[in-house]
C-alpha cells in the first residue's frame, strides 16, 4: 500500500472511533452533568421535608445522588433567597445551606 493510502485509512478510522465515542457518551448521558431530578413519591416526600425544614417557600430544583447527600432539594423563599436542603435516603435532613453559606448540620 502506498503511504498516502495508509494515512487516509488511519485518519478515517480515527474519525469513525471519535464519532462512535461521542454517540456512546450522548446515549449514556455522559455530558458532564450527571444530576438526575427526584421523581414520583420520593419527590413528594423530599419536597415536604425540605419545605418544613425551611419554613416554607417553593421547591425550585431537586437532585438525586448529590455529592453532599442522597437527595438535595433547592427551596426559594418568598424573599428570593435560596436554601439547599440535604436529605438522606430516609428523607431525614442531614444539612442545609443558604445563599453563600457553607453546609450546616440539620440537627
N, C-alpha and C. Protein backbone atom coordinates (compact mmCIF):
# COMPACT_ATOMS: atom_id res chain seq x y z
N UNK A 1 0.84 -1.18 0.00
CA UNK A 1 0.00 0.00 0.00
C UNK A 1 0.88 1.24 0.00
N UNK A 2 0.40 2.23 -0.66
CA UNK A 2 1.13 3.48 -0.68
C UNK A 2 0.97 4.17 0.67
N UNK A 3 1.96 4.97 1.01
CA UNK A 3 1.95 5.69 2.29
C UNK A 3 0.72 6.59 2.40
N UNK A 4 0.34 7.25 1.31
CA UNK A 4 -0.81 8.16 1.32
C UNK A 4 -2.10 7.40 1.63
N UNK A 5 -2.26 6.22 1.08
CA UNK A 5 -3.45 5.39 1.32
C UNK A 5 -3.51 4.96 2.78
N UNK A 6 -2.37 4.57 3.34
CA UNK A 6 -2.33 4.17 4.75
C UNK A 6 -2.72 5.33 5.66
N UNK A 7 -2.22 6.52 5.38
CA UNK A 7 -2.54 7.70 6.19
C UNK A 7 -4.03 7.99 6.12
N UNK A 8 -4.62 7.88 4.94
CA UNK A 8 -6.05 8.13 4.79
C UNK A 8 -6.88 7.10 5.56
N UNK A 9 -6.47 5.84 5.54
CA UNK A 9 -7.20 4.79 6.26
C UNK A 9 -7.11 5.02 7.76
N UNK A 10 -5.94 5.35 8.25
CA UNK A 10 -5.76 5.62 9.69
C UNK A 10 -6.58 6.84 10.10
N UNK A 11 -6.55 7.89 9.29
CA UNK A 11 -7.32 9.10 9.60
C UNK A 11 -8.82 8.82 9.62
N UNK A 12 -9.31 8.06 8.65
CA UNK A 12 -10.73 7.73 8.60
C UNK A 12 -11.13 6.86 9.80
N UNK A 13 -10.25 5.94 10.17
CA UNK A 13 -10.53 5.08 11.34
C UNK A 13 -10.61 5.91 12.62
N UNK A 14 -9.70 6.85 12.79
CA UNK A 14 -9.71 7.70 13.98
C UNK A 14 -10.98 8.54 14.03
N UNK A 15 -11.39 9.06 12.89
CA UNK A 15 -12.61 9.86 12.82
C UNK A 15 -13.84 9.01 13.19
N UNK A 16 -13.90 7.79 12.69
CA UNK A 16 -15.02 6.89 12.99
C UNK A 16 -15.05 6.54 14.47
N UNK A 17 -13.90 6.29 15.07
CA UNK A 17 -13.85 5.98 16.51
C UNK A 17 -14.31 7.18 17.34
N UNK A 18 -13.88 8.37 16.96
CA UNK A 18 -14.28 9.57 17.70
C UNK A 18 -15.79 9.79 17.60
N UNK A 19 -16.36 9.61 16.43
CA UNK A 19 -17.80 9.79 16.25
C UNK A 19 -18.56 8.74 17.05
N UNK A 20 -18.08 7.51 17.06
CA UNK A 20 -18.72 6.45 17.83
C UNK A 20 -18.67 6.73 19.32
N UNK A 21 -17.55 7.23 19.81
CA UNK A 21 -17.42 7.58 21.23
C UNK A 21 -18.35 8.69 21.64
N UNK A 22 -18.53 9.67 20.77
CA UNK A 22 -19.47 10.76 21.07
C UNK A 22 -20.89 10.24 21.13
N UNK A 23 -21.22 9.28 20.25
CA UNK A 23 -22.56 8.70 20.27
C UNK A 23 -22.83 7.93 21.55
N UNK A 24 -21.84 7.17 22.02
CA UNK A 24 -21.98 6.43 23.27
C UNK A 24 -22.12 7.39 24.43
N UNK A 25 -21.32 8.45 24.47
CA UNK A 25 -21.40 9.42 25.56
C UNK A 25 -22.78 10.07 25.60
N UNK A 26 -23.32 10.42 24.45
CA UNK A 26 -24.64 11.03 24.40
C UNK A 26 -25.73 10.07 24.84
N UNK A 27 -25.63 8.82 24.44
CA UNK A 27 -26.65 7.82 24.78
C UNK A 27 -26.65 7.48 26.26
N UNK A 28 -25.49 7.53 26.89
CA UNK A 28 -25.42 7.17 28.31
C UNK A 28 -25.57 8.38 29.22
N UNK A 29 -25.76 9.55 28.64
CA UNK A 29 -25.93 10.76 29.44
C UNK A 29 -24.62 11.29 29.99
N UNK A 30 -23.51 10.86 29.45
CA UNK A 30 -22.20 11.31 29.92
C UNK A 30 -21.86 12.66 29.30
N UNK A 31 -22.57 13.68 29.72
CA UNK A 31 -22.37 15.01 29.16
C UNK A 31 -21.74 15.96 30.15
N UNK A 32 -21.26 15.45 31.28
CA UNK A 32 -20.64 16.32 32.26
C UNK A 32 -21.58 16.65 33.41
N UNK A 33 -22.89 16.60 33.18
CA UNK A 33 -23.86 16.88 34.23
C UNK A 33 -24.64 15.61 34.50
N UNK A 34 -24.26 14.88 35.54
CA UNK A 34 -24.88 13.59 35.81
C UNK A 34 -26.02 13.69 36.81
N UNK A 35 -26.46 14.87 37.16
CA UNK A 35 -27.53 15.01 38.13
C UNK A 35 -28.86 14.58 37.55
N UNK A 36 -29.66 13.93 38.39
CA UNK A 36 -30.99 13.49 37.99
C UNK A 36 -31.99 14.09 38.96
N UNK A 37 -33.12 14.58 38.47
CA UNK A 37 -34.14 15.13 39.37
C UNK A 37 -34.83 14.02 40.16
N UNK A 38 -35.33 14.37 41.32
CA UNK A 38 -36.12 13.44 42.12
C UNK A 38 -37.49 13.32 41.45
N UNK A 39 -38.04 12.12 41.42
CA UNK A 39 -39.33 11.91 40.77
C UNK A 39 -40.27 11.10 41.66
N UNK A 40 -41.53 11.05 41.27
CA UNK A 40 -42.52 10.20 41.90
C UNK A 40 -42.78 10.51 43.36
N UNK A 41 -43.04 9.46 44.13
CA UNK A 41 -43.34 9.60 45.55
C UNK A 41 -42.16 10.20 46.31
N UNK A 42 -40.95 9.87 45.88
CA UNK A 42 -39.76 10.43 46.54
C UNK A 42 -39.74 11.95 46.43
N UNK A 43 -40.18 12.48 45.29
CA UNK A 43 -40.25 13.93 45.11
C UNK A 43 -41.22 14.55 46.10
N UNK A 44 -42.37 13.92 46.30
CA UNK A 44 -43.36 14.43 47.25
C UNK A 44 -42.80 14.45 48.67
N UNK A 45 -42.17 13.35 49.07
CA UNK A 45 -41.63 13.26 50.43
C UNK A 45 -40.46 14.23 50.64
N UNK A 46 -39.56 14.28 49.67
CA UNK A 46 -38.39 15.16 49.79
C UNK A 46 -38.83 16.63 49.82
N UNK A 47 -39.80 16.98 48.99
CA UNK A 47 -40.29 18.37 48.95
C UNK A 47 -40.94 18.76 50.27
N UNK A 48 -41.80 17.88 50.80
CA UNK A 48 -42.48 18.18 52.06
C UNK A 48 -41.48 18.36 53.19
N UNK A 49 -40.48 17.49 53.25
CA UNK A 49 -39.46 17.59 54.30
C UNK A 49 -38.65 18.87 54.17
N UNK A 50 -38.26 19.21 52.94
CA UNK A 50 -37.46 20.42 52.72
C UNK A 50 -38.25 21.67 53.05
N UNK A 51 -39.51 21.72 52.66
CA UNK A 51 -40.34 22.90 52.94
C UNK A 51 -40.56 23.06 54.43
N UNK A 52 -40.71 21.95 55.14
CA UNK A 52 -40.86 22.02 56.60
C UNK A 52 -39.56 22.54 57.23
N UNK A 53 -38.42 22.07 56.73
CA UNK A 53 -37.12 22.48 57.28
C UNK A 53 -36.83 23.96 57.04
N UNK A 54 -37.32 24.50 55.94
CA UNK A 54 -37.04 25.90 55.61
C UNK A 54 -38.14 26.85 56.06
N UNK A 55 -39.23 26.30 56.57
CA UNK A 55 -40.33 27.16 56.99
C UNK A 55 -41.17 27.66 55.82
N UNK A 56 -41.13 26.94 54.71
CA UNK A 56 -41.93 27.30 53.55
C UNK A 56 -41.09 27.79 52.40
N UNK A 57 -41.77 28.11 51.32
CA UNK A 57 -41.12 28.55 50.10
C UNK A 57 -41.61 27.72 48.94
N UNK A 58 -40.82 27.67 47.88
CA UNK A 58 -41.19 26.90 46.69
C UNK A 58 -40.00 26.04 46.28
N UNK A 59 -40.25 24.77 46.04
CA UNK A 59 -39.20 23.87 45.56
C UNK A 59 -38.90 24.26 44.12
N UNK A 60 -37.65 24.62 43.85
CA UNK A 60 -37.27 25.08 42.52
C UNK A 60 -36.34 24.13 41.79
N UNK A 61 -35.72 23.20 42.51
CA UNK A 61 -34.83 22.23 41.87
C UNK A 61 -34.61 21.06 42.81
N UNK A 62 -34.44 19.87 42.25
CA UNK A 62 -34.15 18.69 43.06
C UNK A 62 -33.06 17.88 42.38
N UNK A 63 -32.40 17.03 43.17
CA UNK A 63 -31.34 16.20 42.62
C UNK A 63 -31.19 14.93 43.45
N UNK A 64 -31.06 13.81 42.77
CA UNK A 64 -30.76 12.52 43.40
C UNK A 64 -29.27 12.29 43.25
N UNK A 65 -28.64 11.79 44.32
CA UNK A 65 -27.23 11.46 44.24
C UNK A 65 -26.32 12.67 44.27
N UNK A 66 -26.74 13.70 44.98
CA UNK A 66 -25.91 14.89 45.14
C UNK A 66 -24.60 14.51 45.82
N UNK A 67 -23.55 15.26 45.57
CA UNK A 67 -22.24 14.95 46.18
C UNK A 67 -22.23 15.08 47.69
N UNK A 68 -23.20 15.79 48.26
CA UNK A 68 -23.22 16.01 49.71
C UNK A 68 -24.22 15.12 50.44
N UNK A 69 -25.18 14.55 49.73
CA UNK A 69 -26.21 13.73 50.36
C UNK A 69 -26.92 12.90 49.30
N UNK A 70 -27.87 12.08 49.73
CA UNK A 70 -28.60 11.27 48.77
C UNK A 70 -29.56 12.12 47.94
N UNK A 71 -30.29 13.01 48.61
CA UNK A 71 -31.20 13.93 47.92
C UNK A 71 -30.81 15.36 48.24
N UNK A 72 -31.00 16.25 47.27
CA UNK A 72 -30.86 17.69 47.52
C UNK A 72 -32.10 18.37 46.97
N UNK A 73 -32.69 19.24 47.79
CA UNK A 73 -33.86 20.00 47.37
C UNK A 73 -33.54 21.47 47.53
N UNK A 74 -33.66 22.22 46.45
CA UNK A 74 -33.45 23.67 46.49
C UNK A 74 -34.80 24.33 46.70
N UNK A 75 -34.87 25.16 47.73
CA UNK A 75 -36.10 25.89 48.05
C UNK A 75 -35.83 27.38 47.89
N UNK A 76 -36.71 28.06 47.15
CA UNK A 76 -36.63 29.51 47.02
C UNK A 76 -37.68 30.10 47.93
N UNK A 77 -37.23 30.93 48.86
CA UNK A 77 -38.12 31.54 49.84
C UNK A 77 -38.79 32.80 49.26
N UNK A 78 -39.80 33.30 49.93
CA UNK A 78 -40.56 34.45 49.46
C UNK A 78 -39.68 35.68 49.23
N UNK A 79 -38.59 35.81 50.01
CA UNK A 79 -37.71 36.96 49.85
C UNK A 79 -36.68 36.80 48.72
N UNK A 80 -36.76 35.66 48.01
CA UNK A 80 -35.86 35.40 46.90
C UNK A 80 -34.61 34.62 47.27
N UNK A 81 -34.36 34.44 48.56
CA UNK A 81 -33.18 33.67 48.97
C UNK A 81 -33.40 32.19 48.68
N UNK A 82 -32.31 31.48 48.51
CA UNK A 82 -32.39 30.05 48.21
C UNK A 82 -31.71 29.25 49.30
N UNK A 83 -32.30 28.10 49.61
CA UNK A 83 -31.74 27.19 50.61
C UNK A 83 -31.67 25.81 49.98
N UNK A 84 -30.49 25.18 50.05
CA UNK A 84 -30.33 23.80 49.62
C UNK A 84 -30.47 22.91 50.84
N UNK A 85 -31.43 22.01 50.81
CA UNK A 85 -31.67 21.09 51.92
C UNK A 85 -31.15 19.72 51.51
N UNK A 86 -30.27 19.17 52.33
CA UNK A 86 -29.68 17.86 52.08
C UNK A 86 -30.44 16.81 52.88
N UNK A 87 -30.84 15.71 52.20
CA UNK A 87 -31.60 14.65 52.83
C UNK A 87 -30.92 13.30 52.62
N UNK A 88 -31.06 12.41 53.61
CA UNK A 88 -30.56 11.05 53.43
C UNK A 88 -31.63 10.21 52.72
N UNK A 89 -31.37 8.92 52.54
CA UNK A 89 -32.31 8.03 51.84
C UNK A 89 -33.65 7.93 52.55
N UNK A 90 -33.67 8.15 53.86
CA UNK A 90 -34.90 8.08 54.64
C UNK A 90 -35.61 9.41 54.75
N UNK A 91 -35.20 10.39 53.97
CA UNK A 91 -35.79 11.74 53.93
C UNK A 91 -35.59 12.49 55.24
N UNK A 92 -34.49 12.20 55.93
CA UNK A 92 -34.13 12.95 57.13
C UNK A 92 -33.16 14.05 56.72
N UNK A 93 -33.35 15.24 57.28
CA UNK A 93 -32.46 16.37 56.97
C UNK A 93 -31.08 16.08 57.56
N UNK A 94 -30.06 16.15 56.73
CA UNK A 94 -28.68 15.95 57.19
C UNK A 94 -27.87 17.23 57.07
N UNK A 95 -28.47 18.27 56.50
CA UNK A 95 -27.80 19.56 56.40
C UNK A 95 -28.57 20.49 55.50
N UNK A 96 -28.24 21.76 55.62
CA UNK A 96 -28.82 22.75 54.72
C UNK A 96 -27.92 23.96 54.67
N UNK A 97 -27.96 24.64 53.54
CA UNK A 97 -27.16 25.85 53.39
C UNK A 97 -27.93 26.84 52.53
N UNK A 98 -27.76 28.11 52.88
CA UNK A 98 -28.43 29.17 52.13
C UNK A 98 -27.47 29.84 51.19
N UNK A 99 -27.92 30.91 50.57
CA UNK A 99 -27.09 31.66 49.63
C UNK A 99 -25.73 31.98 50.25
N UNK A 100 -24.67 31.41 49.67
CA UNK A 100 -23.32 31.73 50.11
C UNK A 100 -22.90 31.10 51.43
N UNK A 101 -23.75 30.27 52.04
CA UNK A 101 -23.39 29.63 53.32
C UNK A 101 -22.71 28.30 53.07
N UNK A 102 -21.94 27.84 54.02
CA UNK A 102 -21.39 26.51 53.94
C UNK A 102 -22.40 25.51 54.47
N UNK A 103 -22.16 24.25 54.24
CA UNK A 103 -23.06 23.19 54.70
C UNK A 103 -23.25 23.28 56.22
N UNK A 104 -24.51 23.29 56.66
CA UNK A 104 -24.80 23.34 58.09
C UNK A 104 -25.53 22.08 58.49
N UNK A 105 -25.34 21.65 59.69
CA UNK A 105 -25.99 20.46 60.20
C UNK A 105 -27.48 20.67 60.31
N UNK A 106 -28.24 19.63 59.99
CA UNK A 106 -29.69 19.71 60.10
C UNK A 106 -30.19 19.35 61.48
N UNK A 107 -29.33 19.03 62.40
CA UNK A 107 -29.78 18.62 63.75
C UNK A 107 -29.94 19.80 64.65
